[in-house]
Amino acid sequence: MAKYVERVDTPQMKDDLIPFRVGMTAKVGVTVVEGGKSRVQPYEGIVIAIHRAGVATTITVRKTFQGYGVERIFPIHSPLCAFEEVRGAGKPVVRRAKLYYLRDLVGKKAKLKTRFVAKKVGATRHEIKMEALAATKAAAAAEVEMAAAAAVKAEEDAAAAAEAEAAAPEAPAGEEA
């Protein structure tokens, strides 16, 4: 049963996700459909919880807006949600799996300590991973194209052989007459 569920869930899962960690600052682009129009609504905040459940994995993002804390839960494998890490936010120093204690803190106390890493030049680990993923997808697509071309060539060769066999018996019959 578990193998069946995994086989059904695998195509629905995104493979280009950023590596989520509790305490990191994430920017979520939520696609909102209003009438016939759709737009992307940005939501930026701190990831306070991650609920891992395969295709149903969610993250809870908290931000303060006009002095009030606002939390939203986003399914990470939903096609309506796009995630990106906020560059320059630093690496959070947290020792908890869930940061629910931030709900009770106000003002500067609600800020997380961050460890700033020296600014790197070049691509991030996530960008490198995405480039490798794109390369493997391109290689797989090239293999599929080559297999399709080989199948078409085999069909053409089979058709040519069939024509040659059909023409071969006719030639000797014409010479005898």
C-alpha atoms as a PDB file:
ATOM      1  CA  MET A   1       0.000   0.000   0.000  1.00  0.00           C
ATOM      2  CA  ALA A   2       2.833   2.399   0.892  1.00  0.00           C
ATOM      3  CA  LYS A   3       4.500   1.831  -2.478  1.00  0.00           C
ATOM      4  CA  TYR A   4       1.241   2.660  -4.249  1.00  0.00           C
ATOM      5  CA  VAL A   5       0.830   5.899  -2.265  1.00  0.00           C
ATOM      6  CA  GLU A   6       4.451   6.839  -2.986  1.00  0.00           C
ATOM      7  CA  ARG A   7       3.974   6.135  -6.720  1.00  0.00           C
ATOM      8  CA  VAL A   8       0.885   8.382  -6.784  1.00  0.00           C
ATOM      9  CA  ASP A   9       2.491  11.187  -4.738  1.00  0.00           C
ATOM     10  CA  THR A  10       5.846  11.370  -6.540  1.00  0.00           C
ATOM     11  CA  PRO A  11       4.642  13.149  -9.729  1.00  0.00           C
ATOM     12  CA  GLN A  12       2.833  15.777  -7.634  1.00  0.00           C
ATOM     13  CA  MET A  13       5.904  16.731  -5.596  1.00  0.00           C
ATOM     14  CA  LYS A  14       8.070  19.692  -6.579  1.00  0.00           C
ATOM     15  CA  ASP A  15      11.750  18.976  -7.078  1.00  0.00           C
ATOM     16  CA  ASP A  16      12.959  22.575  -7.267  1.00  0.00           C
ATOM     17  CA  LEU A  17      12.294  23.616  -3.669  1.00  0.00           C
ATOM     18  CA  ILE A  18      14.667  25.668  -1.574  1.00  0.00           C
ATOM     19  CA  PRO A  19      16.086  23.878   1.480  1.00  0.00           C
ATOM     20  CA  PHE A  20      13.683  24.969   4.232  1.00  0.00           C
ATOM     21  CA  ARG A  21      14.896  25.454   7.787  1.00  0.00           C
ATOM     22  CA  VAL A  22      13.034  26.692  10.818  1.00  0.00           C
ATOM     23  CA  GLY A  23      14.020  30.278  11.552  1.00  0.00           C
ATOM     24  CA  MET A  24      14.930  31.262   8.007  1.00  0.00           C
ATOM     25  CA  THR A  25      13.259  34.199   6.324  1.00  0.00           C
ATOM     26  CA  ALA A  26      11.281  33.065   3.302  1.00  0.00           C
ATOM     27  CA  LYS A  27       9.392  34.907   0.601  1.00  0.00           C
ATOM     28  CA  VAL A  28       6.272  33.140  -0.650  1.00  0.00           C
ATOM     29  CA  GLY A  29       4.522  34.104  -3.854  1.00  0.00           C
ATOM     30  CA  VAL A  30       0.891  32.991  -3.641  1.00  0.00           C
ATOM     31  CA  THR A  31      -1.108  32.921  -6.859  1.00  0.00           C
ATOM     32  CA  VAL A  32      -4.530  34.479  -6.211  1.00  0.00           C
ATOM     33  CA  VAL A  33      -7.319  34.088  -8.766  1.00  0.00           C
ATOM     34  CA  GLU A  34      -9.960  36.815  -8.665  1.00  0.00           C
ATOM     35  CA  GLY A  35     -12.622  36.473 -11.306  1.00  0.00           C
ATOM     36  CA  GLY A  36     -10.846  35.822 -14.587  1.00  0.00           C
ATOM     37  CA  LYS A  37      -7.554  37.400 -13.525  1.00  0.00           C
ATOM     38  CA  SER A  38      -4.741  35.915 -11.503  1.00  0.00           C
ATOM     39  CA  ARG A  39      -1.931  37.702  -9.675  1.00  0.00           C
ATOM     40  CA  VAL A  40       0.947  36.778  -7.405  1.00  0.00           C
ATOM     41  CA  GLN A  41       0.624  38.029  -3.829  1.00  0.00           C
ATOM     42  CA  PRO A  42       3.951  38.189  -1.953  1.00  0.00           C
ATOM     43  CA  TYR A  43       4.175  37.105   1.681  1.00  0.00           C
ATOM     44  CA  GLU A  44       7.476  37.395   3.532  1.00  0.00           C
ATOM     45  CA  GLY A  45       8.161  36.188   7.031  1.00  0.00           C
ATOM     46  CA  ILE A  46       9.975  33.765   9.329  1.00  0.00           C
ATOM     47  CA  VAL A  47       9.421  30.024   9.007  1.00  0.00           C
ATOM     48  CA  ILE A  48       8.312  29.019  12.503  1.00  0.00           C
ATOM     49  CA  ALA A  49       7.269  25.425  11.811  1.00  0.00           C
ATOM     50  CA  ILE A  50       7.629  22.700   9.215  1.00  0.00           C
ATOM     51  CA  HIS A  51       5.158  19.828   9.094  1.00  0.00           C
ATOM     52  CA  ARG A  52       6.697  17.043   7.009  1.00  0.00           C
ATOM     53  CA  ALA A  53       4.136  14.718   5.455  1.00  0.00           C
ATOM     54  CA  GLY A  54       5.307  13.847   1.957  1.00  0.00           C
ATOM     55  CA  VAL A  55       3.157  15.585  -0.628  1.00  0.00           C
ATOM     56  CA  ALA A  56       1.153  17.245   2.168  1.00  0.00           C
ATOM     57  CA  THR A  57       4.204  18.959   3.705  1.00  0.00           C
ATOM     58  CA  THR A  58       3.446  22.472   4.957  1.00  0.00           C
ATOM     59  CA  ILE A  59       5.349  25.376   6.439  1.00  0.00           C
ATOM     60  CA  THR A  60       4.031  28.021   8.812  1.00  0.00           C
ATOM     61  CA  VAL A  61       5.293  31.522   8.054  1.00  0.00           C
ATOM     62  CA  ARG A  62       4.897  34.367  10.571  1.00  0.00           C
ATOM     63  CA  LYS A  63       5.260  38.087  10.001  1.00  0.00           C
ATOM     64  CA  THR A  64       4.248  41.165  11.947  1.00  0.00           C
ATOM     65  CA  PHE A  65       2.026  43.636  10.180  1.00  0.00           C
ATOM     66  CA  GLN A  66       1.107  46.937  11.843  1.00  0.00           C
ATOM     67  CA  GLY A  67       2.003  45.559  15.254  1.00  0.00           C
ATOM     68  CA  TYR A  68       0.000  42.328  14.909  1.00  0.00           C
ATOM     69  CA  GLY A  69       1.444  38.890  14.277  1.00  0.00           C
ATOM     70  CA  VAL A  70       0.071  37.173  11.182  1.00  0.00           C
ATOM     71  CA  GLU A  71       0.684  33.507  10.453  1.00  0.00           C
ATOM     72  CA  ARG A  72      -0.127  31.578   7.298  1.00  0.00           C
ATOM     73  CA  ILE A  73       0.312  27.920   6.484  1.00  0.00           C
ATOM     74  CA  PHE A  74       1.495  27.090   2.965  1.00  0.00           C
ATOM     75  CA  PRO A  75       1.578  23.671   1.302  1.00  0.00           C
ATOM     76  CA  ILE A  76       5.035  23.536  -0.249  1.00  0.00           C
ATOM     77  CA  HIS A  77       4.110  21.199  -3.116  1.00  0.00           C
ATOM     78  CA  SER A  78       1.140  23.316  -4.231  1.00  0.00           C
ATOM     79  CA  PRO A  79       1.414  24.743  -7.757  1.00  0.00           C
ATOM     80  CA  LEU A  80      -0.089  27.988  -6.408  1.00  0.00           C
ATOM     81  CA  CYS A  81       2.871  28.695  -4.090  1.00  0.00           C
ATOM     82  CA  ALA A  82       6.363  29.726  -5.173  1.00  0.00           C
ATOM     83  CA  PHE A  83       9.110  29.956  -2.571  1.00  0.00           C
ATOM     84  CA  GLU A  84      12.398  31.805  -2.472  1.00  0.00           C
ATOM     85  CA  GLU A  85      14.897  32.453   0.260  1.00  0.00           C
ATOM     86  CA  VAL A  86      15.511  36.064   1.243  1.00  0.00           C
ATOM     87  CA  ARG A  87      19.138  36.706   0.398  1.00  0.00           C
ATOM     88  CA  GLY A  88      21.155  38.540   3.033  1.00  0.00           C
ATOM     89  CA  ALA A  89      18.876  37.625   5.934  1.00  0.00           C
ATOM     90  CA  GLY A  90      21.704  35.656   7.565  1.00  0.00           C
ATOM     91  CA  LYS A  91      21.675  32.174   9.021  1.00  0.00           C
ATOM     92  CA  PRO A  92      19.280  31.908  11.982  1.00  0.00           C
ATOM     93  CA  VAL A  93      20.573  30.733  15.337  1.00  0.00           C
ATOM     94  CA  VAL A  94      17.710  28.608  16.639  1.00  0.00           C
ATOM     95  CA  ARG A  95      17.701  25.528  18.816  1.00  0.00           C
ATOM     96  CA  ARG A  96      14.067  24.538  18.438  1.00  0.00           C
ATOM     97  CA  ALA A  97      12.102  22.592  15.864  1.00  0.00           C
ATOM     98  CA  LYS A  98       9.093  24.877  16.315  1.00  0.00           C
ATOM     99  CA  LEU A  99       9.321  28.591  17.108  1.00  0.00           C
ATOM    100  CA  TYR A 100       5.883  29.011  18.639  1.00  0.00           C
ATOM    101  CA  TYR A 101       7.402  31.040  21.492  1.00  0.00           C
ATOM    102  CA  LEU A 102       7.675  33.982  19.067  1.00  0.00           C
ATOM    103  CA  ARG A 103       3.894  34.388  19.375  1.00  0.00           C
ATOM    104  CA  ASP A 104       4.279  35.706  22.925  1.00  0.00           C
ATOM    105  CA  LEU A 105       7.148  38.110  22.170  1.00  0.00           C
ATOM    106  CA  VAL A 106       6.674  41.717  21.071  1.00  0.00           C
ATOM    107  CA  GLY A 107       8.973  44.202  19.346  1.00  0.00           C
ATOM    108  CA  LYS A 108      12.715  43.632  19.253  1.00  0.00           C
ATOM    109  CA  LYS A 109      12.404  40.567  21.481  1.00  0.00           C
ATOM    110  CA  ALA A 110      10.577  38.824  18.654  1.00  0.00           C
ATOM    111  CA  LYS A 111      13.651  39.080  16.408  1.00  0.00           C
ATOM    112  CA  LEU A 112      15.840  36.025  15.976  1.00  0.00           C
ATOM    113  CA  LYS A 113      19.585  36.135  16.377  1.00  0.00           C
ATOM    114  CA  THR A 114      21.342  35.662  13.075  1.00  0.00           C
ATOM    115  CA  ARG A 115      24.827  34.587  12.232  1.00  0.00           C
ATOM    116  CA  PHE A 116      25.973  36.476   9.184  1.00  0.00           C
ATOM    117  CA  VAL A 117      28.108  34.502   6.817  1.00  0.00           C
ATOM    118  CA  ALA A 118      30.599  36.251   4.547  1.00  0.00           C
ATOM    119  CA  LYS A 119      28.951  37.272   1.303  1.00  0.00           C
ATOM    120  CA  LYS A 120      29.723  34.703  -1.337  1.00  0.00           C
ATOM    121  CA  VAL A 121      30.275  35.543  -4.940  1.00  0.00           C
ATOM    122  CA  GLY A 122      28.593  33.262  -7.408  1.00  0.00           C
ATOM    123  CA  ALA A 123      25.698  30.854  -7.328  1.00  0.00           C
ATOM    124  CA  THR A 124      24.089  29.581  -4.139  1.00  0.00           C
ATOM    125  CA  ARG A 125      23.832  25.874  -3.347  1.00  0.00           C
ATOM    126  CA  HIS A 126      20.196  25.973  -4.376  1.00  0.00           C
ATOM    127  CA  GLU A 127      21.027  27.572  -7.737  1.00  0.00           C
ATOM    128  CA  ILE A 128      23.726  24.944  -8.378  1.00  0.00           C
ATOM    129  CA  LYS A 129      21.245  22.208  -7.512  1.00  0.00           C
ATOM    130  CA  MET A 130      18.678  23.693  -9.900  1.00  0.00           C
ATOM    131  CA  GLU A 131      21.258  23.881 -12.722  1.00  0.00           C
ATOM    132  CA  ALA A 132      22.165  20.216 -12.175  1.00  0.00           C
ATOM    133  CA  LEU A 133      18.466  19.299 -12.142  1.00  0.00           C
ATOM    134  CA  ALA A 134      17.896  21.169 -15.410  1.00  0.00           C
ATOM    135  CA  ALA A 135      20.896  19.402 -16.949  1.00  0.00           C
ATOM    136  CA  THR A 136      19.583  15.973 -15.946  1.00  0.00           C
ATOM    137  CA  LYS A 137      16.141  16.830 -17.312  1.00  0.00           C
ATOM    138  CA  ALA A 138      17.716  17.985 -20.587  1.00  0.00           C
ATOM    139  CA  ALA A 139      19.745  14.760 -20.789  1.00  0.00           C
ATOM    140  CA  ALA A 140      16.616  12.691 -20.155  1.00  0.00           C
ATOM    141  CA  ALA A 141      14.745  14.636 -22.851  1.00  0.00           C
ATOM    142  CA  ALA A 142      17.650  14.073 -25.265  1.00  0.00           C
ATOM    143  CA  GLU A 143      17.551  10.332 -24.511  1.00  0.00           C
ATOM    144  CA  VAL A 144      13.805  10.258 -25.207  1.00  0.00           C
ATOM    145  CA  GLU A 145      14.360  12.104 -28.507  1.00  0.00           C
ATOM    146  CA  MET A 146      17.146   9.709 -29.492  1.00  0.00           C
ATOM    147  CA  ALA A 147      14.958   6.703 -28.653  1.00  0.00           C
ATOM    148  CA  ALA A 148      12.098   8.180 -30.695  1.00  0.00           C
ATOM    149  CA  ALA A 149      14.457   8.842 -33.629  1.00  0.00           C
ATOM    150  CA  ALA A 150      15.790   5.282 -33.398  1.00  0.00           C
ATOM    151  CA  ALA A 151      12.221   3.923 -33.370  1.00  0.00           C
ATOM    152  CA  VAL A 152      11.331   6.008 -36.464  1.00  0.00           C
ATOM    153  CA  LYS A 153      14.510   4.817 -38.237  1.00  0.00           C
ATOM    154  CA  ALA A 154      13.709   1.195 -37.347  1.00  0.00           C
ATOM    155  CA  GLU A 155      10.194   1.629 -38.761  1.00  0.00           C
ATOM    156  CA  GLU A 156      11.627   3.153 -41.963  1.00  0.00           C
ATOM    157  CA  ASP A 157      14.150   0.287 -42.294  1.00  0.00           C
ATOM    158  CA  ALA A 158      11.380  -2.264 -41.736  1.00  0.00           C
ATOM    159  CA  ALA A 159       9.224  -0.551 -44.378  1.00  0.00           C
ATOM    160  CA  ALA A 160      12.151  -0.478 -46.836  1.00  0.00           C
ATOM    161  CA  ALA A 161      12.867  -4.160 -46.183  1.00  0.00           C
ATOM    162  CA  ALA A 162       9.201  -5.010 -46.724  1.00  0.00           C
ATOM    163  CA  GLU A 163       9.227  -3.076 -50.024  1.00  0.00           C
ATOM    164  CA  ALA A 164      12.416  -4.875 -51.098  1.00  0.00           C
ATOM    165  CA  GLU A 165      10.871  -8.251 -50.303  1.00  0.00           C
ATOM    166  CA  ALA A 166       7.692  -7.337 -52.187  1.00  0.00           C
ATOM    167  CA  ALA A 167       9.712  -6.136 -55.211  1.00  0.00           C
ATOM    168  CA  ALA A 168      12.104  -9.130 -55.223  1.00  0.00           C
ATOM    169  CA  PRO A 169       9.479 -11.809 -56.083  1.00  0.00           C
ATOM    170  CA  GLU A 170       7.957  -9.597 -58.779  1.00  0.00           C
ATOM    171  CA  ALA A 171      11.267  -9.198 -60.684  1.00  0.00           C
ATOM    172  CA  PRO A 172      11.904 -12.907 -61.287  1.00  0.00           C
ATOM    173  CA  ALA A 173       8.272 -13.431 -62.250  1.00  0.00           C
ATOM    174  CA  GLY A 174       8.619 -10.728 -64.916  1.00  0.00           C
ATOM    175  CA  GLU A 175      11.840 -12.304 -66.326  1.00  0.00           C
ATOM    176  CA  GLU A 176      10.254 -15.736 -66.736  1.00  0.00           C
ATOM    177  CA  ALA A 177       7.366 -14.428 -68.831  1.00  0.00           C
END
